PDB file of all heavy atoms in Angstrom:
ATOM      1  N   LYS A   1     113.026  75.072 113.615  1.00  0.00           N
ATOM      2  CA  LYS A   1     113.344  74.618 112.322  1.00  0.00           C
ATOM      3  C   LYS A   1     114.866  74.153 112.265  1.00  0.00           C
ATOM      4  O   LYS A   1     115.686  74.749 112.844  1.00  0.00           O
ATOM      5  CB  LYS A   1     113.179  75.733 111.262  1.00  0.00           C
ATOM      6  CG  LYS A   1     111.747  75.881 110.729  1.00  0.00           C
ATOM      7  CD  LYS A   1     110.765  76.136 111.792  1.00  0.00           C
ATOM      8  CE  LYS A   1     109.288  76.221 111.203  1.00  0.00           C
ATOM      9  NZ  LYS A   1     108.330  76.347 112.291  1.00  0.00           N
ATOM     10  N   ASN A   2     115.094  73.072 111.500  1.00  0.00           N
ATOM     11  CA  ASN A   2     116.513  72.623 111.329  1.00  0.00           C
ATOM     12  C   ASN A   2     117.103  73.445 110.176  1.00  0.00           C
ATOM     13  O   ASN A   2     116.464  74.247 109.470  1.00  0.00           O
ATOM     14  CB  ASN A   2     116.505  71.119 110.966  1.00  0.00           C
ATOM     15  CG  ASN A   2     115.683  70.778 109.757  1.00  0.00           C
ATOM     16  OD1 ASN A   2     115.902  71.271 108.710  1.00  0.00           O
ATOM     17  ND2 ASN A   2     114.873  69.695 109.863  1.00  0.00           N
ATOM     18  N   PRO A   3     118.411  73.304 109.970  1.00  0.00           N
ATOM     19  CA  PRO A   3     119.114  74.118 108.928  1.00  0.00           C
ATOM     20  C   PRO A   3     118.569  74.034 107.579  1.00  0.00           C
ATOM     21  O   PRO A   3     118.519  74.935 106.769  1.00  0.00           O
ATOM     22  CB  PRO A   3     120.580  73.652 109.107  1.00  0.00           C
ATOM     23  CG  PRO A   3     120.731  73.161 110.489  1.00  0.00           C
ATOM     24  CD  PRO A   3     119.394  72.598 110.875  1.00  0.00           C
ATOM     25  N   THR A   4     118.083  72.819 107.186  1.00  0.00           N
ATOM     26  CA  THR A   4     117.571  72.599 105.911  1.00  0.00           C
ATOM     27  C   THR A   4     116.313  73.395 105.693  1.00  0.00           C
ATOM     28  O   THR A   4     116.090  73.979 104.629  1.00  0.00           O
ATOM     29  CB  THR A   4     117.317  71.094 105.639  1.00  0.00           C
ATOM     30  OG1 THR A   4     118.555  70.405 105.724  1.00  0.00           O
ATOM     31  CG2 THR A   4     116.723  70.923 104.289  1.00  0.00           C
ATOM     32  N   GLU A   5     115.400  73.342 106.713  1.00  0.00           N
ATOM     33  CA  GLU A   5     114.145  74.084 106.659  1.00  0.00           C
ATOM     34  C   GLU A   5     114.398  75.582 106.615  1.00  0.00           C
ATOM     35  O   GLU A   5     113.752  76.360 105.920  1.00  0.00           O
ATOM     36  CB  GLU A   5     113.295  73.768 107.900  1.00  0.00           C
ATOM     37  CG  GLU A   5     112.759  72.315 107.840  1.00  0.00           C
ATOM     38  CD  GLU A   5     112.076  71.941 109.161  1.00  0.00           C
ATOM     39  OE1 GLU A   5     112.601  72.193 110.230  1.00  0.00           O
ATOM     40  OE2 GLU A   5     110.928  71.402 109.078  1.00  0.00           O
ATOM     41  N   LEU A   6     115.376  76.082 107.324  1.00  0.00           N
ATOM     42  CA  LEU A   6     115.666  77.508 107.402  1.00  0.00           C
ATOM     43  C   LEU A   6     116.224  77.930 105.974  1.00  0.00           C
ATOM     44  O   LEU A   6     115.874  79.016 105.556  1.00  0.00           O
ATOM     45  CB  LEU A   6     116.632  77.859 108.539  1.00  0.00           C
ATOM     46  CG  LEU A   6     116.030  77.737 109.940  1.00  0.00           C
ATOM     47  CD1 LEU A   6     117.189  77.946 110.968  1.00  0.00           C
ATOM     48  CD2 LEU A   6     114.991  78.742 110.124  1.00  0.00           C
ATOM     49  N   SER A   7     117.104  77.132 105.490  1.00  0.00           N
ATOM     50  CA  SER A   7     117.642  77.488 104.150  1.00  0.00           C
ATOM     51  C   SER A   7     116.598  77.547 103.144  1.00  0.00           C
ATOM     52  O   SER A   7     116.529  78.491 102.319  1.00  0.00           O
ATOM     53  CB  SER A   7     118.709  76.396 103.728  1.00  0.00           C
ATOM     54  OG  SER A   7     119.171  76.696 102.492  1.00  0.00           O
ATOM     55  N   GLY A   8     115.641  76.569 103.208  1.00  0.00           N
ATOM     56  CA  GLY A   8     114.528  76.645 102.264  1.00  0.00           C
ATOM     57  C   GLY A   8     113.654  77.795 102.384  1.00  0.00           C
ATOM     58  O   GLY A   8     113.245  78.460 101.414  1.00  0.00           O
ATOM     59  N   THR A   9     113.358  78.160 103.603  1.00  0.00           N
ATOM     60  CA  THR A   9     112.410  79.180 103.777  1.00  0.00           C
ATOM     61  C   THR A   9     112.971  80.526 103.475  1.00  0.00           C
ATOM     62  O   THR A   9     112.352  81.449 103.012  1.00  0.00           O
ATOM     63  CB  THR A   9     111.826  79.183 105.248  1.00  0.00           C
ATOM     64  OG1 THR A   9     110.542  79.904 105.271  1.00  0.00           O
ATOM     65  CG2 THR A   9     112.812  79.867 106.279  1.00  0.00           C
ATOM     66  N   ARG A  10     114.296  80.702 103.679  1.00  0.00           N
ATOM     67  CA  ARG A  10     114.951  81.987 103.201  1.00  0.00           C
ATOM     68  C   ARG A  10     114.852  82.065 101.656  1.00  0.00           C
ATOM     69  O   ARG A  10     114.509  83.134 101.187  1.00  0.00           O
ATOM     70  CB  ARG A  10     116.420  81.936 103.693  1.00  0.00           C
ATOM     71  CG  ARG A  10     116.625  82.079 105.137  1.00  0.00           C
ATOM     72  CD  ARG A  10     118.101  82.268 105.527  1.00  0.00           C
ATOM     73  NE  ARG A  10     118.339  82.421 106.924  1.00  0.00           N
ATOM     74  CZ  ARG A  10     118.756  81.365 107.750  1.00  0.00           C
ATOM     75  NH1 ARG A  10     119.089  80.154 107.188  1.00  0.00           N
ATOM     76  NH2 ARG A  10     118.917  81.555 109.004  1.00  0.00           N
ATOM     77  N   ALA A  11     115.019  80.950 101.011  1.00  0.00           N
ATOM     78  CA  ALA A  11     114.917  81.012  99.544  1.00  0.00           C
ATOM     79  C   ALA A  11     113.527  81.414  99.118  1.00  0.00           C
ATOM     80  O   ALA A  11     113.302  82.132  98.184  1.00  0.00           O
ATOM     81  CB  ALA A  11     115.376  79.691  98.968  1.00  0.00           C
ATOM     82  N   ALA A  12     112.521  80.796  99.811  1.00  0.00           N
ATOM     83  CA  ALA A  12     111.181  81.013  99.447  1.00  0.00           C
ATOM     84  C   ALA A  12     110.838  82.521  99.736  1.00  0.00           C
ATOM     85  O   ALA A  12     110.003  83.096  98.913  1.00  0.00           O
ATOM     86  CB  ALA A  12     110.257  80.165 100.347  1.00  0.00           C
ATOM     87  N   HIS A  13     111.406  83.076 100.710  1.00  0.00           N
ATOM     88  CA  HIS A  13     111.085  84.493 101.026  1.00  0.00           C
ATOM     89  C   HIS A  13     111.680  85.436 100.037  1.00  0.00           C
ATOM     90  O   HIS A  13     111.115  86.509  99.726  1.00  0.00           O
ATOM     91  CB  HIS A  13     111.558  84.844 102.438  1.00  0.00           C
ATOM     92  CG  HIS A  13     110.515  84.510 103.486  1.00  0.00           C
ATOM     93  ND1 HIS A  13     110.402  83.164 103.998  1.00  0.00           N
ATOM     94  CD2 HIS A  13     109.558  85.162 104.091  1.00  0.00           C
ATOM     95  CE1 HIS A  13     109.435  83.081 104.882  1.00  0.00           C
ATOM     96  NE2 HIS A  13     108.892  84.290 104.971  1.00  0.00           N
ATOM     97  N   ILE A  14     112.813  85.064  99.521  1.00  0.00           N
ATOM     98  CA  ILE A  14     113.413  85.951  98.422  1.00  0.00           C
ATOM     99  C   ILE A  14     112.557  85.846  97.156  1.00  0.00           C
ATOM    100  O   ILE A  14     112.207  86.857  96.526  1.00  0.00           O
ATOM    101  CB  ILE A  14     114.877  85.535  98.134  1.00  0.00           C
ATOM    102  CG1 ILE A  14     115.705  85.913  99.368  1.00  0.00           C
ATOM    103  CG2 ILE A  14     115.390  86.244  96.916  1.00  0.00           C
ATOM    104  CD1 ILE A  14     117.079  85.382  99.318  1.00  0.00           C
ATOM    105  N   ARG A  15     112.139  84.678  96.866  1.00  0.00           N
ATOM    106  CA  ARG A  15     111.279  84.458  95.651  1.00  0.00           C
ATOM    107  C   ARG A  15     109.932  85.125  95.758  1.00  0.00           C
ATOM    108  O   ARG A  15     109.485  85.854  94.900  1.00  0.00           O
ATOM    109  CB  ARG A  15     111.027  82.942  95.483  1.00  0.00           C
ATOM    110  CG  ARG A  15     110.311  82.474  94.302  1.00  0.00           C
ATOM    111  CD  ARG A  15     110.016  80.950  94.379  1.00  0.00           C
ATOM    112  NE  ARG A  15     111.261  80.190  94.724  1.00  0.00           N
ATOM    113  CZ  ARG A  15     111.290  79.404  95.826  1.00  0.00           C
ATOM    114  NH1 ARG A  15     110.203  79.260  96.591  1.00  0.00           N
ATOM    115  NH2 ARG A  15     112.425  78.775  96.039  1.00  0.00           N
ATOM    116  N   ASP A  16     109.378  85.092  96.936  1.00  0.00           N
ATOM    117  CA  ASP A  16     108.190  85.822  97.310  1.00  0.00           C
ATOM    118  C   ASP A  16     108.328  87.355  97.296  1.00  0.00           C
ATOM    119  O   ASP A  16     107.487  88.052  96.834  1.00  0.00           O
ATOM    120  CB  ASP A  16     107.581  85.313  98.703  1.00  0.00           C
ATOM    121  CG  ASP A  16     106.130  85.637  98.904  1.00  0.00           C
ATOM    122  OD1 ASP A  16     105.288  85.048  98.142  1.00  0.00           O
ATOM    123  OD2 ASP A  16     105.881  86.512  99.713  1.00  0.00           O
ATOM    124  N   GLY A  17     109.460  87.724  97.786  1.00  0.00           N
ATOM    125  CA  GLY A  17     109.763  89.162  97.862  1.00  0.00           C
ATOM    126  C   GLY A  17     109.812  89.831  96.519  1.00  0.00           C
ATOM    127  O   GLY A  17     109.411  91.044  96.308  1.00  0.00           O
ATOM    128  N   VAL A  18     110.311  89.065  95.521  1.00  0.00           N
ATOM    129  CA  VAL A  18     110.330  89.638  94.197  1.00  0.00           C
ATOM    130  C   VAL A  18     108.935  89.896  93.738  1.00  0.00           C
ATOM    131  O   VAL A  18     108.612  90.939  93.079  1.00  0.00           O
ATOM    132  CB  VAL A  18     111.115  88.660  93.275  1.00  0.00           C
ATOM    133  CG1 VAL A  18     110.945  89.036  91.730  1.00  0.00           C
ATOM    134  CG2 VAL A  18     112.566  88.615  93.595  1.00  0.00           C
ATOM    135  N   ALA A  19     107.998  88.974  93.935  1.00  0.00           N
ATOM    136  CA  ALA A  19     106.645  89.096  93.520  1.00  0.00           C
ATOM    137  C   ALA A  19     105.983  90.281  94.246  1.00  0.00           C
ATOM    138  O   ALA A  19     105.277  91.120  93.611  1.00  0.00           O
ATOM    139  CB  ALA A  19     105.917  87.825  93.777  1.00  0.00           C
ATOM    140  N   VAL A  20     106.239  90.435  95.504  1.00  0.00           N
ATOM    141  CA  VAL A  20     105.613  91.502  96.322  1.00  0.00           C
ATOM    142  C   VAL A  20     106.205  92.830  95.817  1.00  0.00           C
ATOM    143  O   VAL A  20     105.441  93.858  95.701  1.00  0.00           O
ATOM    144  CB  VAL A  20     105.886  91.319  97.839  1.00  0.00           C
ATOM    145  CG1 VAL A  20     105.377  92.450  98.605  1.00  0.00           C
ATOM    146  CG2 VAL A  20     105.131  90.039  98.301  1.00  0.00           C
ATOM    147  N   ALA A  21     107.443  92.914  95.632  1.00  0.00           N
ATOM    148  CA  ALA A  21     108.043  94.235  95.129  1.00  0.00           C
ATOM    149  C   ALA A  21     107.528  94.563  93.741  1.00  0.00           C
ATOM    150  O   ALA A  21     107.157  95.779  93.572  1.00  0.00           O
ATOM    151  CB  ALA A  21     109.575  94.050  95.076  1.00  0.00           C
ATOM    152  N   ARG A  22     107.309  93.671  92.904  1.00  0.00           N
ATOM    153  CA  ARG A  22     106.764  93.910  91.563  1.00  0.00           C
ATOM    154  C   ARG A  22     105.246  94.481  91.803  1.00  0.00           C
ATOM    155  O   ARG A  22     104.856  95.316  91.064  1.00  0.00           O
ATOM    156  CB  ARG A  22     106.779  92.677  90.682  1.00  0.00           C
ATOM    157  CG  ARG A  22     108.225  92.301  90.238  1.00  0.00           C
ATOM    158  CD  ARG A  22     108.209  91.136  89.325  1.00  0.00           C
ATOM    159  NE  ARG A  22     107.506  91.454  88.070  1.00  0.00           N
ATOM    160  CZ  ARG A  22     106.944  90.505  87.315  1.00  0.00           C
ATOM    161  NH1 ARG A  22     106.940  89.238  87.727  1.00  0.00           N
ATOM    162  NH2 ARG A  22     106.334  90.944  86.167  1.00  0.00           N
ATOM    163  N   PHE A  23     104.620  93.896  92.716  1.00  0.00           N
ATOM    164  CA  PHE A  23     103.221  94.302  92.974  1.00  0.00           C
ATOM    165  C   PHE A  23     103.191  95.698  93.494  1.00  0.00           C
ATOM    166  O   PHE A  23     102.350  96.605  93.153  1.00  0.00           O
ATOM    167  CB  PHE A  23     102.589  93.293  93.925  1.00  0.00           C
ATOM    168  CG  PHE A  23     101.219  93.832  94.446  1.00  0.00           C
ATOM    169  CD1 PHE A  23     100.155  93.729  93.639  1.00  0.00           C
ATOM    170  CD2 PHE A  23     101.057  94.315  95.733  1.00  0.00           C
ATOM    171  CE1 PHE A  23      98.850  94.205  94.139  1.00  0.00           C
ATOM    172  CE2 PHE A  23      99.870  94.721  96.255  1.00  0.00           C
ATOM    173  CZ  PHE A  23      98.772  94.658  95.330  1.00  0.00           C
ATOM    174  N   LEU A  24     104.097  96.025  94.442  1.00  0.00           N
ATOM    175  CA  LEU A  24     104.174  97.303  94.974  1.00  0.00           C
ATOM    176  C   LEU A  24     104.374  98.416  93.908  1.00  0.00           C
ATOM    177  O   LEU A  24     103.816  99.482  93.895  1.00  0.00           O
ATOM    178  CB  LEU A  24     105.239  97.485  96.086  1.00  0.00           C
ATOM    179  CG  LEU A  24     104.999  96.609  97.329  1.00  0.00           C
ATOM    180  CD1 LEU A  24     106.195  96.721  98.293  1.00  0.00           C
ATOM    181  CD2 LEU A  24     103.775  97.067  98.089  1.00  0.00           C
ATOM    182  N   LYS A  25     105.296  98.094  92.961  1.00  0.00           N
ATOM    183  CA  LYS A  25     105.545  98.988  91.821  1.00  0.00           C
ATOM    184  C   LYS A  25     104.244  99.127  91.021  1.00  0.00           C
ATOM    185  O   LYS A  25     103.860 100.232  90.644  1.00  0.00           O
ATOM    186  CB  LYS A  25     106.653  98.384  90.921  1.00  0.00           C
ATOM    187  CG  LYS A  25     106.870  99.211  89.615  1.00  0.00           C
ATOM    188  CD  LYS A  25     108.035  98.539  88.875  1.00  0.00           C
ATOM    189  CE  LYS A  25     108.262  99.253  87.532  1.00  0.00           C
ATOM    190  NZ  LYS A  25     107.202  98.993  86.545  1.00  0.00           N
ATOM    191  N   TRP A  26     103.585  98.026  90.727  1.00  0.00           N
ATOM    192  CA  TRP A  26     102.379  98.065  89.954  1.00  0.00           C
ATOM    193  C   TRP A  26     101.333  98.916  90.655  1.00  0.00           C
ATOM    194  O   TRP A  26     100.584  99.664  89.980  1.00  0.00           O
ATOM    195  CB  TRP A  26     101.916  96.557  89.733  1.00  0.00           C
ATOM    196  CG  TRP A  26     100.608  96.442  88.937  1.00  0.00           C
ATOM    197  CD1 TRP A  26     100.652  96.324  87.524  1.00  0.00           C
ATOM    198  CD2 TRP A  26      99.288  96.359  89.387  1.00  0.00           C
ATOM    199  NE1 TRP A  26      99.398  96.179  87.155  1.00  0.00           N
ATOM    200  CE2 TRP A  26      98.495  96.188  88.241  1.00  0.00           C
ATOM    201  CE3 TRP A  26      98.735  96.459  90.579  1.00  0.00           C
ATOM    202  CZ2 TRP A  26      97.143  96.036  88.274  1.00  0.00           C
ATOM    203  CZ3 TRP A  26      97.351  96.361  90.698  1.00  0.00           C
ATOM    204  CH2 TRP A  26      96.548  96.154  89.540  1.00  0.00           C
ATOM    205  N   MET A  27     101.153  98.738  91.876  1.00  0.00           N
ATOM    206  CA  MET A  27     100.201  99.525  92.679  1.00  0.00           C
ATOM    207  C   MET A  27     100.508 101.041  92.622  1.00  0.00           C
ATOM    208  O   MET A  27      99.610 101.851  92.462  1.00  0.00           O
ATOM    209  CB  MET A  27     100.153  99.143  94.142  1.00  0.00           C
ATOM    210  CG  MET A  27      99.420  97.828  94.422  1.00  0.00           C
ATOM    211  SD  MET A  27      97.612  97.972  94.041  1.00  0.00           S
ATOM    212  CE  MET A  27      97.174  99.180  95.360  1.00  0.00           C
ATOM    213  N   GLU A  28     101.757 101.362  92.757  1.00  0.00           N
ATOM    214  CA  GLU A  28     102.234 102.752  92.713  1.00  0.00           C
ATOM    215  C   GLU A  28     101.857 103.363  91.350  1.00  0.00           C
ATOM    216  O   GLU A  28     101.435 104.530  91.235  1.00  0.00           O
ATOM    217  CB  GLU A  28     103.685 102.907  92.921  1.00  0.00           C
ATOM    218  CG  GLU A  28     104.250 104.344  93.009  1.00  0.00           C
ATOM    219  CD  GLU A  28     105.685 104.334  93.236  1.00  0.00           C
ATOM    220  OE1 GLU A  28     106.077 103.905  94.396  1.00  0.00           O
ATOM    221  OE2 GLU A  28     106.492 104.718  92.372  1.00  0.00           O
ATOM    222  N   GLU A  29     101.861 102.579  90.265  1.00  0.00           N
ATOM    223  CA  GLU A  29     101.578 103.034  88.929  1.00  0.00           C
ATOM    224  C   GLU A  29     100.066 103.093  88.585  1.00  0.00           C
ATOM    225  O   GLU A  29      99.609 104.008  87.910  1.00  0.00           O
ATOM    226  CB  GLU A  29     102.357 102.166  87.889  1.00  0.00           C
ATOM    227  CG  GLU A  29     103.857 102.255  88.009  1.00  0.00           C
ATOM    228  CD  GLU A  29     104.495 101.220  87.115  1.00  0.00           C
ATOM    229  OE1 GLU A  29     103.858 100.229  86.747  1.00  0.00           O
ATOM    230  OE2 GLU A  29     105.732 101.275  86.912  1.00  0.00           O
ATOM    231  N   HIS A  30      99.357 102.132  89.114  1.00  0.00           N
ATOM    232  CA  HIS A  30      97.972 101.944  88.708  1.00  0.00           C
ATOM    233  C   HIS A  30      96.931 102.526  89.697  1.00  0.00           C
ATOM    234  O   HIS A  30      95.881 102.957  89.285  1.00  0.00           O
ATOM    235  CB  HIS A  30      97.691 100.539  88.448  1.00  0.00           C
ATOM    236  CG  HIS A  30      98.346  99.978  87.205  1.00  0.00           C
ATOM    237  ND1 HIS A  30      99.622  99.507  87.132  1.00  0.00           N
ATOM    238  CD2 HIS A  30      97.861  99.777  85.988  1.00  0.00           C
ATOM    239  CE1 HIS A  30      99.946  99.136  85.999  1.00  0.00           C
ATOM    240  NE2 HIS A  30      98.921  99.318  85.230  1.00  0.00           N
ATOM    241  N   ALA A  31      97.209 102.397  91.012  1.00  0.00           N
ATOM    242  CA  ALA A  31      96.169 102.780  91.981  1.00  0.00           C
ATOM    243  C   ALA A  31      95.708 104.236  91.894  1.00  0.00           C
ATOM    244  O   ALA A  31      94.509 104.486  91.934  1.00  0.00           O
ATOM    245  CB  ALA A  31      96.665 102.404  93.399  1.00  0.00           C
ATOM    246  N   PRO A  32      96.669 105.149  91.742  1.00  0.00           N
ATOM    247  CA  PRO A  32      96.266 106.594  91.659  1.00  0.00           C
ATOM    248  C   PRO A  32      95.372 106.912  90.487  1.00  0.00           C
ATOM    249  O   PRO A  32      94.624 107.888  90.496  1.00  0.00           O
ATOM    250  CB  PRO A  32      97.544 107.397  91.630  1.00  0.00           C
ATOM    251  CG  PRO A  32      98.587 106.435  92.210  1.00  0.00           C
ATOM    252  CD  PRO A  32      98.149 105.006  91.775  1.00  0.00           C
TER     253      PRO A  32
END
Protein backbone atom coordinates (compact mmCIF):
# COMPACT_ATOMS: atom_id res chain seq x y z
CA LYS A 1 0.00 0.00 0.00
CA ASN A 2 1.08 3.56 -0.73
CA PRO A 3 0.93 6.27 1.97
CA THR A 4 -2.48 7.47 0.82
CA GLU A 5 -3.96 3.98 1.03
CA LEU A 6 -2.44 3.42 4.47
CA SER A 7 -3.75 6.73 5.76
CA GLY A 8 -7.21 5.88 4.48
CA THR A 9 -7.27 2.39 5.92
CA ARG A 10 -6.14 3.64 9.33
CA ALA A 11 -9.08 6.07 9.34
CA ALA A 12 -11.46 3.30 8.28
CA HIS A 13 -10.27 1.09 11.11
CA ILE A 14 -10.86 3.75 13.73
CA ARG A 15 -14.36 4.34 12.35
CA ASP A 16 -14.99 0.60 12.33
CA GLY A 17 -13.54 0.20 15.81
CA VAL A 18 -16.08 2.60 17.26
CA ALA A 19 -18.88 0.44 15.85
CA VAL A 20 -17.31 -2.78 17.13
CA ALA A 21 -16.72 -1.31 20.61
CA ARG A 22 -20.33 -0.17 20.83
CA PHE A 23 -21.40 -3.67 19.81
CA LEU A 24 -19.21 -5.27 22.49
CA LYS A 25 -20.87 -3.04 25.11
CA TRP A 26 -24.30 -3.95 23.75
CA MET A 27 -23.46 -7.65 23.89
CA GLU A 28 -22.23 -7.37 27.46
CA GLU A 29 -25.55 -5.78 28.43
CA HIS A 30 -27.95 -7.93 26.40
CA ALA A 31 -26.48 -11.40 25.86
CA PRO A 32 -26.65 -12.58 29.51
